[in-house]
C-alpha atoms as a PDB file:
ATOM      1  CA  UNK A   1     197.971   1.175   0.434  1.00  0.00           C
ATOM      2  CA  UNK A   2     194.205   1.707   0.721  1.00  0.00           C
ATOM      3  CA  UNK A   3     193.463   0.183  -2.678  1.00  0.00           C
ATOM      4  CA  UNK A   4     193.325  -3.312  -1.235  1.00  0.00           C
ATOM      5  CA  UNK A   5     191.526  -2.415   1.996  1.00  0.00           C
ATOM      6  CA  UNK A   6     187.773  -2.586   2.478  1.00  0.00           C
ATOM      7  CA  UNK A   7     187.364   1.096   3.323  1.00  0.00           C
ATOM      8  CA  UNK A   8     183.818   2.452   2.903  1.00  0.00           C
ATOM      9  CA  UNK A   9     183.346   5.238   0.372  1.00  0.00           C
ATOM     10  CA  UNK A  10     180.733   7.944   0.895  1.00  0.00           C
ATOM     11  CA  UNK A  11     179.691  10.302  -1.870  1.00  0.00           C
ATOM     12  CA  UNK A  12     177.646  13.399  -1.157  1.00  0.00           C
ATOM     13  CA  UNK A  13     175.515  14.368  -4.146  1.00  0.00           C
ATOM     14  CA  UNK A  14     175.257  18.046  -3.276  1.00  0.00           C
ATOM     15  CA  UNK A  15     172.848  20.628  -4.674  1.00  0.00           C
ATOM     16  CA  UNK A  16     170.005  18.119  -4.873  1.00  0.00           C
ATOM     17  CA  UNK A  17     167.610  20.986  -4.151  1.00  0.00           C
ATOM     18  CA  UNK A  18     168.141  22.410  -7.633  1.00  0.00           C
ATOM     19  CA  UNK A  19     165.460  21.802 -10.248  1.00  0.00           C
ATOM     20  CA  UNK A  20     167.861  20.265 -12.776  1.00  0.00           C
ATOM     21  CA  UNK A  21     169.850  18.207 -10.257  1.00  0.00           C
ATOM     22  CA  UNK A  22     171.011  14.787 -11.367  1.00  0.00           C
ATOM     23  CA  UNK A  23     169.508  11.875  -9.408  1.00  0.00           C
ATOM     24  CA  UNK A  24     171.633   9.721  -7.119  1.00  0.00           C
ATOM     25  CA  UNK A  25     171.166   6.828  -9.528  1.00  0.00           C
ATOM     26  CA  UNK A  26     172.475   8.926 -12.424  1.00  0.00           C
ATOM     27  CA  UNK A  27     175.456  10.070 -10.316  1.00  0.00           C
ATOM     28  CA  UNK A  28     176.199   6.408  -9.622  1.00  0.00           C
ATOM     29  CA  UNK A  29     176.086   5.637 -13.333  1.00  0.00           C
ATOM     30  CA  UNK A  30     178.221   8.640 -14.303  1.00  0.00           C
ATOM     31  CA  UNK A  31     180.883   7.662 -11.756  1.00  0.00           C
ATOM     32  CA  UNK A  32     180.666   3.968 -12.758  1.00  0.00           C
ATOM     33  CA  UNK A  33     180.207   3.044  -9.119  1.00  0.00           C
ATOM     34  CA  UNK A  34     178.763  -0.332 -10.047  1.00  0.00           C
ATOM     35  CA  UNK A  35     182.375  -1.283 -10.825  1.00  0.00           C
ATOM     36  CA  UNK A  36     183.349  -0.892  -7.165  1.00  0.00           C
ATOM     37  CA  UNK A  37     182.665  -4.361  -5.851  1.00  0.00           C
ATOM     38  CA  UNK A  38     185.278  -4.734  -3.113  1.00  0.00           C
ATOM     39  CA  UNK A  39     184.253  -1.757  -0.950  1.00  0.00           C
ATOM     40  CA  UNK A  40     180.919  -0.621   0.435  1.00  0.00           C
ATOM     41  CA  UNK A  41     179.804   2.677  -1.083  1.00  0.00           C
ATOM     42  CA  UNK A  42     176.844   4.958  -0.653  1.00  0.00           C
ATOM     43  CA  UNK A  43     175.568   8.090  -2.359  1.00  0.00           C
ATOM     44  CA  UNK A  44     173.816  10.519  -0.094  1.00  0.00           C
ATOM     45  CA  UNK A  45     171.640  13.164  -1.727  1.00  0.00           C
ATOM     46  CA  UNK A  46     172.359  16.411   0.070  1.00  0.00           C
ATOM     47  CA  UNK A  47     171.969  20.141   0.305  1.00  0.00           C
ATOM     48  CA  UNK A  48     174.987  21.391   2.232  1.00  0.00           C
ATOM     49  CA  UNK A  49     173.603  24.885   2.790  1.00  0.00           C
ATOM     50  CA  UNK A  50     170.483  23.542   4.503  1.00  0.00           C
ATOM     51  CA  UNK A  51     172.347  20.611   6.027  1.00  0.00           C
ATOM     52  CA  UNK A  52     169.986  18.102   4.455  1.00  0.00           C
ATOM     53  CA  UNK A  53     171.346  14.612   3.928  1.00  0.00           C
ATOM     54  CA  UNK A  54     174.578  15.256   5.786  1.00  0.00           C
ATOM     55  CA  UNK A  55     173.622  13.407   8.970  1.00  0.00           C
ATOM     56  CA  UNK A  56     172.354  10.458   6.956  1.00  0.00           C
ATOM     57  CA  UNK A  57     175.726  10.195   5.250  1.00  0.00           C
ATOM     58  CA  UNK A  58     177.695  10.461   8.473  1.00  0.00           C
ATOM     59  CA  UNK A  59     175.441   7.853  10.116  1.00  0.00           C
ATOM     60  CA  UNK A  60     175.997   5.441   7.211  1.00  0.00           C
ATOM     61  CA  UNK A  61     179.759   5.967   7.402  1.00  0.00           C
ATOM     62  CA  UNK A  62     179.794   5.381  11.171  1.00  0.00           C
ATOM     63  CA  UNK A  63     177.828   2.157  10.718  1.00  0.00           C
ATOM     64  CA  UNK A  64     180.271   0.951   8.068  1.00  0.00           C
ATOM     65  CA  UNK A  65     183.297   1.748  10.218  1.00  0.00           C
ATOM     66  CA  UNK A  66     181.746  -0.062  13.185  1.00  0.00           C
ATOM     67  CA  UNK A  67     181.092  -3.104  10.976  1.00  0.00           C
ATOM     68  CA  UNK A  68     184.759  -3.186   9.924  1.00  0.00           C
ATOM     69  CA  UNK A  69     185.912  -3.008  13.563  1.00  0.00           C
ATOM     70  CA  UNK A  70     183.792  -5.985  14.679  1.00  0.00           C
END
């Protein structure tokens, strides 16, 4: 059961290139992420078509997985 494991959670906030895009902070608030206290989480602003923000998210996730292994 993953509920009790410290598995990192990565959220991609896609379409951040749009004029009326919601900020990462607002996404966090809408998803009530501040309630997740037992797992590391990160929101990565992204534009999947241009590939922006994707590498940042993957890098963060790799770092978190490495930290769990050590």
